[in-house]
């Protein structure tokens, strides 16, 4: 199964090249303000993509999914073979994908949860899965704006990853952390398309599972 992953496109989907594949994953922040019009445009774009399956997780900019979840999910559900994951999983051809939008609190954005026990509550829900999709990164892995600067990922999430041991962990959120890293049998992928200046300069990442 060929999986294509992107994140943090911030309404610039039409300006990036999307490779062919069986599954297209967007790990959140497809909008800027989370407005209805932005979500509608994103779903129109998603509908045009040829991938047989499409998986979406919301990000901190995607306010509609927190404020009006029924309305927001309806947009995704109207796209054929598209699935919105929020503390939920889907199995495709024997491969289990689990998605969650939460990140440690920062500037009162959507899906923000305080560090420590409050956010651990959500990560404790993660079951055994092959591909874990979260909007934010785990602590210490592809979670810095620039090399040498403080880590911004979630301490409780890296613990959960150690417990679950997914084959792949896909995320975004921290644009400067774009890239891949393999450790302890898990391939970590920060798929942020936009850089820190919100320019859509990074290519989609592809893997086989």
N, C-alpha and C. Protein backbone atom coordinates (compact mmCIF):
# COMPACT_ATOMS: atom_id res chain seq x y z
N UNK A 1 0.84 -1.19 0.00
CA UNK A 1 0.00 0.00 0.00
C UNK A 1 0.88 1.25 0.00
N UNK A 2 0.63 2.12 -0.95
CA UNK A 2 1.41 3.35 -1.08
C UNK A 2 0.65 4.49 -0.40
N UNK A 3 1.28 5.11 0.59
CA UNK A 3 0.63 6.14 1.39
C UNK A 3 1.32 7.48 1.15
N UNK A 4 0.53 8.51 0.87
CA UNK A 4 1.02 9.86 0.64
C UNK A 4 0.59 10.72 1.83
N UNK A 5 1.54 11.44 2.44
CA UNK A 5 1.21 12.21 3.64
C UNK A 5 1.58 13.68 3.46
N UNK A 6 0.64 14.54 3.92
CA UNK A 6 0.86 15.99 3.92
C UNK A 6 0.27 16.56 5.20
N UNK A 7 0.66 17.76 5.55
CA UNK A 7 0.12 18.45 6.72
C UNK A 7 0.36 19.94 6.54
N UNK A 8 -0.38 20.75 7.30
CA UNK A 8 -0.12 22.19 7.35
C UNK A 8 -0.02 22.81 5.96
N UNK A 9 -1.05 22.58 5.16
CA UNK A 9 -1.10 23.19 3.84
C UNK A 9 -1.71 24.59 3.88
N UNK A 10 -2.51 24.88 4.88
CA UNK A 10 -3.02 26.24 5.14
C UNK A 10 -3.62 26.92 3.91
N UNK A 11 -4.50 26.19 3.22
CA UNK A 11 -5.25 26.64 2.03
C UNK A 11 -4.44 26.64 0.74
N UNK A 12 -3.19 26.15 0.77
CA UNK A 12 -2.33 26.17 -0.41
C UNK A 12 -2.29 24.83 -1.13
N UNK A 13 -3.29 23.99 -0.97
CA UNK A 13 -3.27 22.66 -1.56
C UNK A 13 -3.05 22.69 -3.07
N UNK A 14 -3.64 23.66 -3.75
CA UNK A 14 -3.52 23.73 -5.21
C UNK A 14 -2.12 24.11 -5.68
N UNK A 15 -1.28 24.51 -4.75
CA UNK A 15 0.08 24.93 -5.13
C UNK A 15 1.12 23.85 -4.88
N UNK A 16 0.67 22.67 -4.47
CA UNK A 16 1.62 21.59 -4.20
C UNK A 16 1.32 20.40 -5.11
N UNK A 17 2.37 19.62 -5.38
CA UNK A 17 2.23 18.41 -6.20
C UNK A 17 1.94 17.22 -5.29
N UNK A 18 0.87 16.51 -5.58
CA UNK A 18 0.47 15.36 -4.77
C UNK A 18 0.78 14.08 -5.56
N UNK A 19 1.70 13.26 -5.08
CA UNK A 19 2.02 12.01 -5.80
C UNK A 19 0.85 11.04 -5.80
N UNK A 20 0.88 10.10 -6.73
CA UNK A 20 -0.12 9.05 -6.76
C UNK A 20 0.07 8.12 -5.57
N UNK A 21 -1.00 7.47 -5.17
CA UNK A 21 -0.91 6.53 -4.06
C UNK A 21 -2.27 5.92 -3.79
N UNK A 22 -2.30 4.99 -2.86
CA UNK A 22 -3.55 4.34 -2.47
C UNK A 22 -4.27 5.12 -1.38
N UNK A 23 -3.50 5.72 -0.47
CA UNK A 23 -4.07 6.44 0.66
C UNK A 23 -3.43 7.83 0.73
N UNK A 24 -4.25 8.85 0.87
CA UNK A 24 -3.77 10.22 1.09
C UNK A 24 -4.13 10.63 2.52
N UNK A 25 -3.13 11.03 3.29
CA UNK A 25 -3.34 11.47 4.67
C UNK A 25 -3.03 12.95 4.78
N UNK A 26 -3.95 13.69 5.42
CA UNK A 26 -3.68 15.08 5.79
C UNK A 26 -3.73 15.17 7.31
N UNK A 27 -2.61 15.56 7.92
CA UNK A 27 -2.48 15.56 9.38
C UNK A 27 -2.88 16.88 10.02
N UNK A 28 -3.68 17.70 9.35
CA UNK A 28 -4.25 18.88 9.98
C UNK A 28 -3.68 20.21 9.54
N UNK A 29 -4.43 21.27 9.87
CA UNK A 29 -4.13 22.64 9.46
C UNK A 29 -4.20 22.80 7.94
N UNK A 30 -5.36 22.43 7.40
CA UNK A 30 -5.63 22.69 5.99
C UNK A 30 -6.28 24.06 5.82
N UNK A 31 -6.64 24.71 6.94
CA UNK A 31 -7.20 26.06 6.90
C UNK A 31 -6.25 27.05 7.57
N UNK A 32 -6.65 28.31 7.57
CA UNK A 32 -5.92 29.34 8.31
C UNK A 32 -6.72 29.76 9.53
N UNK A 33 -8.01 30.00 9.34
CA UNK A 33 -8.87 30.43 10.44
C UNK A 33 -9.96 29.41 10.78
N UNK A 34 -10.03 28.32 10.03
CA UNK A 34 -11.04 27.32 10.29
C UNK A 34 -12.43 27.73 9.89
N UNK A 35 -12.55 28.65 8.94
CA UNK A 35 -13.85 29.14 8.50
C UNK A 35 -14.55 28.11 7.63
N UNK A 36 -15.86 28.23 7.56
CA UNK A 36 -16.67 27.30 6.76
C UNK A 36 -16.20 27.30 5.30
N UNK A 37 -15.96 28.48 4.75
CA UNK A 37 -15.54 28.57 3.35
C UNK A 37 -14.21 27.85 3.12
N UNK A 38 -13.30 27.95 4.07
CA UNK A 38 -12.00 27.28 3.94
C UNK A 38 -12.16 25.77 3.97
N UNK A 39 -12.99 25.28 4.87
CA UNK A 39 -13.22 23.84 4.95
C UNK A 39 -13.90 23.34 3.68
N UNK A 40 -14.85 24.11 3.17
CA UNK A 40 -15.55 23.73 1.94
C UNK A 40 -14.58 23.65 0.76
N UNK A 41 -13.69 24.63 0.65
CA UNK A 41 -12.71 24.63 -0.45
C UNK A 41 -11.76 23.44 -0.32
N UNK A 42 -11.34 23.16 0.90
CA UNK A 42 -10.43 22.03 1.09
C UNK A 42 -11.10 20.73 0.67
N UNK A 43 -12.35 20.55 1.04
CA UNK A 43 -13.04 19.31 0.71
C UNK A 43 -13.30 19.20 -0.79
N UNK A 44 -13.52 20.32 -1.46
CA UNK A 44 -13.65 20.30 -2.91
C UNK A 44 -12.34 19.84 -3.55
N UNK A 45 -11.23 20.32 -3.00
CA UNK A 45 -9.91 19.88 -3.48
C UNK A 45 -9.71 18.39 -3.19
N UNK A 46 -10.07 17.97 -1.97
CA UNK A 46 -9.90 16.57 -1.57
C UNK A 46 -10.69 15.64 -2.48
N UNK A 47 -11.87 16.08 -2.86
CA UNK A 47 -12.73 15.29 -3.73
C UNK A 47 -12.05 15.01 -5.07
N UNK A 48 -11.25 15.93 -5.55
CA UNK A 48 -10.61 15.80 -6.85
C UNK A 48 -9.39 14.88 -6.83
N UNK A 49 -8.88 14.55 -5.65
CA UNK A 49 -7.68 13.72 -5.58
C UNK A 49 -8.03 12.28 -5.94
N UNK A 50 -7.16 11.60 -6.68
CA UNK A 50 -7.50 10.27 -7.21
C UNK A 50 -7.29 9.11 -6.24
N UNK A 51 -6.74 9.36 -5.08
CA UNK A 51 -6.43 8.28 -4.15
C UNK A 51 -7.70 7.54 -3.73
N UNK A 52 -7.60 6.23 -3.58
CA UNK A 52 -8.78 5.41 -3.26
C UNK A 52 -9.30 5.69 -1.87
N UNK A 53 -8.41 6.08 -0.96
CA UNK A 53 -8.81 6.37 0.42
C UNK A 53 -8.14 7.67 0.85
N UNK A 54 -8.88 8.48 1.64
CA UNK A 54 -8.37 9.76 2.12
C UNK A 54 -8.68 9.87 3.61
N UNK A 55 -7.66 10.19 4.38
CA UNK A 55 -7.80 10.28 5.84
C UNK A 55 -7.43 11.69 6.27
N UNK A 56 -8.28 12.28 7.11
CA UNK A 56 -8.07 13.66 7.57
C UNK A 56 -8.12 13.72 9.09
N UNK A 57 -7.17 14.44 9.66
CA UNK A 57 -7.16 14.77 11.09
C UNK A 57 -7.14 16.30 11.17
N UNK A 58 -7.88 16.87 12.09
CA UNK A 58 -7.91 18.33 12.23
C UNK A 58 -6.66 18.84 12.95
N UNK A 59 -6.36 20.13 12.75
CA UNK A 59 -5.24 20.77 13.43
C UNK A 59 -5.71 21.97 14.23
N UNK A 60 -4.77 22.67 14.84
CA UNK A 60 -5.12 23.77 15.73
C UNK A 60 -5.74 24.96 15.00
N UNK A 61 -5.52 25.08 13.69
CA UNK A 61 -6.15 26.16 12.91
C UNK A 61 -7.57 25.78 12.46
N UNK A 62 -7.90 24.52 12.51
CA UNK A 62 -9.15 24.03 11.92
C UNK A 62 -10.31 24.13 12.91
N UNK A 63 -10.63 25.37 13.27
CA UNK A 63 -11.57 25.67 14.35
C UNK A 63 -12.95 25.06 14.15
N UNK A 64 -13.42 24.95 12.92
CA UNK A 64 -14.78 24.48 12.69
C UNK A 64 -14.98 23.07 13.27
N UNK A 65 -13.92 22.27 13.28
CA UNK A 65 -14.04 20.89 13.76
C UNK A 65 -14.17 20.83 15.28
N UNK A 66 -13.79 21.89 15.97
CA UNK A 66 -14.00 21.94 17.41
C UNK A 66 -15.29 22.69 17.75
N UNK A 67 -15.57 23.79 17.06
CA UNK A 67 -16.72 24.62 17.40
C UNK A 67 -18.04 24.06 16.85
N UNK A 68 -18.00 23.50 15.64
CA UNK A 68 -19.21 22.95 15.02
C UNK A 68 -18.86 21.59 14.40
N UNK A 69 -18.57 20.61 15.23
CA UNK A 69 -18.07 19.33 14.71
C UNK A 69 -19.00 18.62 13.76
N UNK A 70 -20.31 18.68 14.01
CA UNK A 70 -21.25 18.00 13.11
C UNK A 70 -21.21 18.61 11.72
N UNK A 71 -21.18 19.94 11.65
CA UNK A 71 -21.12 20.62 10.36
C UNK A 71 -19.80 20.33 9.66
N UNK A 72 -18.71 20.37 10.41
CA UNK A 72 -17.39 20.15 9.81
C UNK A 72 -17.25 18.72 9.29
N UNK A 73 -17.68 17.76 10.09
CA UNK A 73 -17.57 16.37 9.67
C UNK A 73 -18.41 16.08 8.44
N UNK A 74 -19.53 16.78 8.30
CA UNK A 74 -20.40 16.57 7.14
C UNK A 74 -19.66 16.89 5.84
N UNK A 75 -18.80 17.91 5.86
CA UNK A 75 -18.02 18.24 4.67
C UNK A 75 -17.14 17.05 4.27
N UNK A 76 -16.45 16.45 5.25
CA UNK A 76 -15.58 15.31 4.97
C UNK A 76 -16.40 14.12 4.50
N UNK A 77 -17.51 13.86 5.16
CA UNK A 77 -18.34 12.70 4.84
C UNK A 77 -18.93 12.78 3.45
N UNK A 78 -19.03 13.98 2.90
CA UNK A 78 -19.55 14.13 1.54
C UNK A 78 -18.50 13.87 0.46
N UNK A 79 -17.27 13.65 0.88
CA UNK A 79 -16.20 13.30 -0.05
C UNK A 79 -16.11 11.78 -0.11
N UNK A 80 -16.27 11.18 -1.28
CA UNK A 80 -16.22 9.71 -1.38
C UNK A 80 -14.91 9.14 -0.84
N UNK A 81 -15.03 8.09 -0.04
CA UNK A 81 -13.87 7.37 0.51
C UNK A 81 -12.96 8.25 1.36
N UNK A 82 -13.54 9.27 1.99
CA UNK A 82 -12.77 10.13 2.90
C UNK A 82 -13.24 9.88 4.33
N UNK A 83 -12.29 9.90 5.27
CA UNK A 83 -12.59 9.59 6.66
C UNK A 83 -11.96 10.65 7.56
N UNK A 84 -12.75 11.16 8.49
CA UNK A 84 -12.22 12.07 9.50
C UNK A 84 -11.99 11.28 10.77
N UNK A 85 -10.77 11.34 11.31
CA UNK A 85 -10.42 10.60 12.52
C UNK A 85 -10.20 11.56 13.68
N UNK A 86 -10.95 11.34 14.74
CA UNK A 86 -10.75 12.08 15.99
C UNK A 86 -10.91 11.08 17.13
N UNK A 87 -9.77 10.66 17.67
CA UNK A 87 -9.76 9.60 18.68
C UNK A 87 -10.46 8.36 18.14
N UNK A 88 -10.15 8.04 16.89
CA UNK A 88 -10.81 6.92 16.24
C UNK A 88 -9.85 6.29 15.22
N UNK A 89 -10.25 5.10 14.76
CA UNK A 89 -9.39 4.34 13.86
C UNK A 89 -10.18 3.83 12.67
N UNK A 90 -9.45 3.49 11.62
CA UNK A 90 -10.03 2.83 10.46
C UNK A 90 -9.02 1.82 9.95
N UNK A 91 -9.52 0.68 9.48
CA UNK A 91 -8.65 -0.35 8.92
C UNK A 91 -8.86 -0.39 7.41
N UNK A 92 -7.76 -0.29 6.67
CA UNK A 92 -7.79 -0.33 5.22
C UNK A 92 -6.83 -1.42 4.76
N UNK A 93 -7.36 -2.41 4.10
CA UNK A 93 -6.56 -3.53 3.58
C UNK A 93 -5.67 -4.11 4.68
N UNK A 94 -6.23 -4.25 5.86
CA UNK A 94 -5.52 -4.87 6.96
C UNK A 94 -4.58 -3.95 7.72
N UNK A 95 -4.50 -2.67 7.32
CA UNK A 95 -3.63 -1.70 7.97
C UNK A 95 -4.50 -0.77 8.83
N UNK A 96 -4.16 -0.65 10.11
CA UNK A 96 -4.94 0.18 11.02
C UNK A 96 -4.35 1.57 11.13
N UNK A 97 -5.18 2.58 10.86
CA UNK A 97 -4.82 3.99 10.98
C UNK A 97 -5.60 4.57 12.15
N UNK A 98 -4.91 5.28 13.04
CA UNK A 98 -5.57 5.93 14.18
C UNK A 98 -5.20 7.41 14.16
N UNK A 99 -6.21 8.28 14.36
CA UNK A 99 -5.95 9.71 14.30
C UNK A 99 -6.49 10.48 15.48
N UNK A 100 -5.79 11.56 15.88
CA UNK A 100 -6.22 12.44 16.98
C UNK A 100 -5.64 13.83 16.75
N UNK A 101 -6.42 14.89 17.04
CA UNK A 101 -6.00 16.26 16.71
C UNK A 101 -5.30 17.03 17.82
N UNK A 102 -5.20 16.50 19.02
CA UNK A 102 -4.80 17.27 20.20
C UNK A 102 -3.34 17.69 20.18
N UNK A 103 -3.06 18.85 20.81
CA UNK A 103 -1.67 19.30 21.03
C UNK A 103 -1.61 20.05 22.35
N UNK A 104 -0.41 20.15 22.95
CA UNK A 104 -0.27 20.94 24.18
C UNK A 104 -0.69 22.39 23.96
N UNK A 105 -1.29 22.99 24.97
CA UNK A 105 -1.85 24.34 24.87
C UNK A 105 -0.81 25.35 24.41
N UNK A 106 -1.23 26.20 23.45
CA UNK A 106 -0.37 27.27 22.96
C UNK A 106 -1.25 28.33 22.33
N UNK A 107 -1.30 29.51 22.91
CA UNK A 107 -2.04 30.65 22.36
C UNK A 107 -3.52 30.37 22.14
N UNK A 108 -4.07 29.42 22.89
CA UNK A 108 -5.52 29.19 22.89
C UNK A 108 -6.08 28.86 21.51
N UNK A 109 -5.39 27.97 20.78
CA UNK A 109 -5.87 27.50 19.49
C UNK A 109 -6.83 26.33 19.68
N UNK A 110 -7.37 25.82 18.58
CA UNK A 110 -8.28 24.68 18.62
C UNK A 110 -7.55 23.42 19.07
N UNK A 111 -8.29 22.54 19.74
CA UNK A 111 -7.79 21.23 20.18
C UNK A 111 -6.56 21.35 21.07
N UNK A 112 -6.46 22.44 21.82
CA UNK A 112 -5.38 22.61 22.79
C UNK A 112 -5.77 21.98 24.12
N UNK A 113 -4.83 21.28 24.72
CA UNK A 113 -5.04 20.65 26.01
C UNK A 113 -3.80 20.87 26.85
N UNK A 114 -3.96 21.12 28.13
CA UNK A 114 -2.81 21.35 29.01
C UNK A 114 -1.90 20.12 29.04
N UNK A 115 -0.62 20.39 29.19
CA UNK A 115 0.36 19.31 29.30
C UNK A 115 0.11 18.48 30.56
N UNK A 116 0.73 17.32 30.58
CA UNK A 116 0.59 16.45 31.75
C UNK A 116 -0.65 15.58 31.68
N UNK A 117 -1.28 15.40 32.81
CA UNK A 117 -2.41 14.47 32.90
C UNK A 117 -3.57 14.81 31.96
N UNK A 118 -3.93 16.12 31.75
CA UNK A 118 -5.05 16.40 30.84
C UNK A 118 -4.86 15.85 29.43
N UNK A 119 -3.66 16.04 28.85
CA UNK A 119 -3.47 15.54 27.48
C UNK A 119 -3.17 14.05 27.49
N UNK A 120 -2.58 13.54 28.54
CA UNK A 120 -2.34 12.10 28.66
C UNK A 120 -3.65 11.33 28.55
N UNK A 121 -4.73 11.92 29.03
CA UNK A 121 -6.05 11.30 28.95
C UNK A 121 -6.39 10.91 27.52
N UNK A 122 -6.02 11.75 26.55
CA UNK A 122 -6.32 11.46 25.15
C UNK A 122 -5.34 10.43 24.57
N UNK A 123 -4.08 10.55 24.93
CA UNK A 123 -3.10 9.61 24.39
C UNK A 123 -3.28 8.21 24.96
N UNK A 124 -3.85 8.10 26.14
CA UNK A 124 -4.12 6.78 26.70
C UNK A 124 -5.15 6.01 25.88
N UNK A 125 -5.91 6.71 25.04
CA UNK A 125 -6.92 6.06 24.20
C UNK A 125 -6.32 5.39 22.97
N UNK A 126 -5.08 5.71 22.64
CA UNK A 126 -4.49 5.19 21.40
C UNK A 126 -4.34 3.67 21.51
N UNK A 127 -4.96 2.93 20.60
CA UNK A 127 -4.85 1.48 20.62
C UNK A 127 -3.66 1.02 19.78
N UNK A 128 -3.48 -0.26 19.69
CA UNK A 128 -2.49 -0.80 18.77
C UNK A 128 -2.84 -0.38 17.35
N UNK A 129 -1.88 0.15 16.63
CA UNK A 129 -2.15 0.60 15.26
C UNK A 129 -0.86 0.54 14.45
N UNK A 130 -1.01 0.52 13.15
CA UNK A 130 0.15 0.52 12.24
C UNK A 130 0.61 1.94 11.93
N UNK A 131 -0.37 2.84 11.72
CA UNK A 131 -0.06 4.23 11.37
C UNK A 131 -0.79 5.13 12.36
N UNK A 132 -0.03 5.85 13.15
CA UNK A 132 -0.58 6.83 14.10
C UNK A 132 -0.50 8.21 13.45
N UNK A 133 -1.62 8.94 13.48
CA UNK A 133 -1.67 10.29 12.90
C UNK A 133 -2.10 11.26 13.99
N UNK A 134 -1.23 12.17 14.35
CA UNK A 134 -1.57 13.24 15.29
C UNK A 134 -1.21 14.56 14.63
N UNK A 135 -1.87 15.64 15.05
CA UNK A 135 -1.48 16.91 14.44
C UNK A 135 -0.12 17.36 14.95
N UNK A 136 0.10 17.25 16.24
CA UNK A 136 1.35 17.71 16.84
C UNK A 136 2.37 16.59 16.98
N UNK A 137 3.65 16.95 17.11
CA UNK A 137 4.71 15.96 17.23
C UNK A 137 4.92 15.49 18.67
N UNK A 138 5.59 14.37 18.83
CA UNK A 138 6.00 13.95 20.16
C UNK A 138 7.21 14.74 20.62
N UNK A 139 7.43 14.76 21.90
CA UNK A 139 8.56 15.50 22.46
C UNK A 139 9.89 14.98 21.93
N UNK A 140 10.73 15.90 21.42
CA UNK A 140 12.10 15.57 21.06
C UNK A 140 12.29 15.03 19.66
N UNK A 141 11.23 14.90 18.88
CA UNK A 141 11.35 14.33 17.54
C UNK A 141 10.72 15.27 16.52
N UNK A 142 11.56 15.90 15.69
CA UNK A 142 11.08 16.79 14.62
C UNK A 142 10.09 17.82 15.15
N UNK A 143 10.41 18.38 16.33
CA UNK A 143 9.47 19.27 17.02
C UNK A 143 10.07 20.62 17.37
N UNK A 144 11.06 21.06 16.60
CA UNK A 144 11.68 22.35 16.86
C UNK A 144 11.54 23.26 15.65
N UNK A 145 11.51 24.56 15.88
CA UNK A 145 11.40 25.52 14.78
C UNK A 145 12.70 25.55 13.99
N UNK A 146 13.82 25.60 14.69
CA UNK A 146 15.14 25.53 14.07
C UNK A 146 16.02 24.64 14.94
N UNK A 147 16.95 23.95 14.30
CA UNK A 147 17.84 23.05 15.02
C UNK A 147 18.55 23.80 16.14
N UNK A 148 18.52 23.24 17.33
CA UNK A 148 19.16 23.86 18.48
C UNK A 148 18.22 24.66 19.34
N UNK A 149 16.99 24.93 18.84
CA UNK A 149 16.02 25.66 19.63
C UNK A 149 15.20 24.69 20.48
N UNK A 150 14.44 25.20 21.46
CA UNK A 150 13.72 24.31 22.37
C UNK A 150 12.72 23.40 21.66
N UNK A 151 12.56 22.19 22.21
CA UNK A 151 11.57 21.26 21.68
C UNK A 151 10.16 21.73 22.06
N UNK A 152 9.21 21.50 21.16
CA UNK A 152 7.84 21.97 21.34
C UNK A 152 6.82 20.84 21.35
N UNK A 153 7.28 19.60 21.21
CA UNK A 153 6.37 18.47 21.16
C UNK A 153 5.81 18.09 22.51
N UNK A 154 5.03 17.01 22.52
CA UNK A 154 4.31 16.58 23.71
C UNK A 154 5.03 15.44 24.42
N UNK A 155 5.33 15.65 25.69
CA UNK A 155 6.02 14.64 26.49
C UNK A 155 5.17 13.38 26.67
N UNK A 156 3.88 13.56 26.86
CA UNK A 156 3.01 12.40 27.07
C UNK A 156 2.79 11.61 25.78
N UNK A 157 2.88 12.30 24.64
CA UNK A 157 2.70 11.61 23.36
C UNK A 157 3.88 10.68 23.07
N UNK A 158 5.10 11.11 23.37
CA UNK A 158 6.24 10.22 23.10
C UNK A 158 6.16 8.99 23.99
N UNK A 159 5.61 9.13 25.18
CA UNK A 159 5.40 7.96 26.03
C UNK A 159 4.38 7.01 25.42
N UNK A 160 3.31 7.58 24.87
CA UNK A 160 2.28 6.76 24.24
C UNK A 160 2.82 6.03 23.01
N UNK A 161 3.65 6.72 22.23
CA UNK A 161 4.25 6.09 21.07
C UNK A 161 5.13 4.91 21.51
N UNK A 162 5.85 5.09 22.60
CA UNK A 162 6.67 4.00 23.12
C UNK A 162 5.83 2.81 23.55
N UNK A 163 4.63 3.07 24.03
CA UNK A 163 3.73 1.98 24.44
C UNK A 163 3.12 1.29 23.23
N UNK A 164 2.66 2.07 22.26
CA UNK A 164 1.95 1.52 21.11
C UNK A 164 2.90 0.95 20.06
N UNK A 165 4.02 1.61 19.85
CA UNK A 165 5.02 1.23 18.86
C UNK A 165 4.43 1.08 17.46
N UNK A 166 3.81 2.13 16.92
CA UNK A 166 3.30 2.06 15.55
C UNK A 166 4.46 1.96 14.56
N UNK A 167 4.18 1.45 13.40
CA UNK A 167 5.22 1.38 12.37
C UNK A 167 5.54 2.78 11.84
N UNK A 168 4.51 3.64 11.80
CA UNK A 168 4.67 5.00 11.32
C UNK A 168 3.93 5.96 12.25
N UNK A 169 4.52 7.12 12.49
CA UNK A 169 3.84 8.18 13.22
C UNK A 169 3.91 9.44 12.36
N UNK A 170 2.75 9.87 11.86
CA UNK A 170 2.65 11.02 10.96
C UNK A 170 2.10 12.22 11.73
N UNK A 171 2.70 13.39 11.54
CA UNK A 171 2.25 14.61 12.21
C UNK A 171 2.72 15.82 11.44
N UNK A 172 2.47 17.01 11.99
CA UNK A 172 2.92 18.27 11.39
C UNK A 172 3.03 19.30 12.49
N UNK A 173 2.28 20.42 12.35
CA UNK A 173 2.14 21.45 13.38
C UNK A 173 3.37 22.34 13.51
N UNK A 174 4.53 21.75 13.74
CA UNK A 174 5.77 22.52 13.87
C UNK A 174 6.44 22.53 12.49
N UNK A 175 6.19 23.59 11.73
CA UNK A 175 6.62 23.64 10.34
C UNK A 175 8.12 23.42 10.18
N UNK A 176 8.90 23.98 11.09
CA UNK A 176 10.35 23.89 10.98
C UNK A 176 10.90 22.50 11.20
N UNK A 177 10.07 21.58 11.69
CA UNK A 177 10.52 20.21 11.96
C UNK A 177 10.33 19.26 10.80
N UNK A 178 9.95 19.77 9.63
CA UNK A 178 9.69 18.90 8.47
C UNK A 178 10.82 17.90 8.26
N UNK A 179 10.42 16.65 7.99
CA UNK A 179 11.41 15.62 7.70
C UNK A 179 11.03 14.28 8.29
N UNK A 180 11.98 13.36 8.33
CA UNK A 180 11.74 12.01 8.80
C UNK A 180 12.85 11.55 9.72
N UNK A 181 12.49 10.63 10.61
CA UNK A 181 13.45 10.08 11.55
C UNK A 181 12.93 8.72 11.99
N UNK A 182 13.79 7.72 11.99
CA UNK A 182 13.41 6.38 12.43
C UNK A 182 14.10 6.07 13.75
N UNK A 183 13.33 5.60 14.74
CA UNK A 183 13.88 5.24 16.03
C UNK A 183 13.02 4.15 16.67
N UNK A 184 13.68 3.15 17.19
CA UNK A 184 13.01 2.04 17.90
C UNK A 184 11.89 1.41 17.08
N UNK A 185 12.12 1.27 15.78
CA UNK A 185 11.16 0.58 14.92
C UNK A 185 10.04 1.43 14.40
N UNK A 186 9.96 2.72 14.79
CA UNK A 186 8.91 3.62 14.31
C UNK A 186 9.53 4.67 13.38
N UNK A 187 8.89 4.88 12.24
CA UNK A 187 9.32 5.94 11.32
C UNK A 187 8.48 7.17 11.60
N UNK A 188 9.10 8.20 12.10
CA UNK A 188 8.41 9.46 12.43
C UNK A 188 8.47 10.38 11.21
N UNK A 189 7.34 10.98 10.87
CA UNK A 189 7.25 11.83 9.68
C UNK A 189 6.56 13.14 10.04
N UNK A 190 7.31 14.24 9.98
CA UNK A 190 6.72 15.58 10.06
C UNK A 190 6.47 16.01 8.62
N UNK A 191 5.18 16.04 8.24
CA UNK A 191 4.82 16.25 6.84
C UNK A 191 4.36 17.68 6.56
N UNK A 192 4.79 18.66 7.35
CA UNK A 192 4.38 20.05 7.16
C UNK A 192 4.79 20.55 5.78
N UNK A 193 3.83 20.96 5.00
CA UNK A 193 4.11 21.49 3.66
C UNK A 193 4.62 22.93 3.74
N UNK A 194 4.01 23.74 4.59
CA UNK A 194 4.44 25.14 4.73
C UNK A 194 5.65 25.27 5.64
N UNK A 195 6.50 26.23 5.33
CA UNK A 195 7.61 26.54 6.23
C UNK A 195 7.13 27.52 7.29
N UNK A 196 8.04 28.04 8.11
CA UNK A 196 7.63 28.93 9.20
C UNK A 196 7.04 30.25 8.70
N UNK A 197 7.33 30.62 7.46
CA UNK A 197 6.76 31.83 6.87
C UNK A 197 5.47 31.54 6.11
N UNK A 198 4.94 30.32 6.27
CA UNK A 198 3.71 29.90 5.61
C UNK A 198 3.83 29.87 4.09
N UNK A 199 5.02 29.54 3.61
CA UNK A 199 5.22 29.30 2.19
C UNK A 199 5.16 27.79 1.94
N UNK A 200 4.35 27.33 0.98
CA UNK A 200 4.20 25.89 0.74
C UNK A 200 5.37 25.32 -0.07
N UNK A 201 6.49 25.11 0.59
CA UNK A 201 7.73 24.77 -0.11
C UNK A 201 8.16 23.31 0.05
N UNK A 202 7.61 22.59 1.01
CA UNK A 202 8.05 21.22 1.26
C UNK A 202 7.21 20.21 0.47
N UNK A 203 7.84 19.19 -0.09
CA UNK A 203 7.08 18.20 -0.86
C UNK A 203 6.36 17.20 0.04
N UNK A 204 5.31 16.60 -0.52
CA UNK A 204 4.62 15.50 0.17
C UNK A 204 5.60 14.36 0.38
N UNK A 205 5.33 13.56 1.40
CA UNK A 205 6.18 12.41 1.73
C UNK A 205 5.41 11.13 1.45
N UNK A 206 6.08 10.14 0.88
CA UNK A 206 5.45 8.89 0.48
C UNK A 206 6.13 7.73 1.17
N UNK A 207 5.32 6.76 1.62
CA UNK A 207 5.90 5.53 2.17
C UNK A 207 5.03 4.34 1.79
N UNK A 208 5.61 3.15 1.90
CA UNK A 208 4.90 1.90 1.65
C UNK A 208 4.65 1.20 2.98
N UNK A 209 3.45 0.67 3.15
CA UNK A 209 3.13 -0.05 4.36
C UNK A 209 2.44 -1.35 4.00
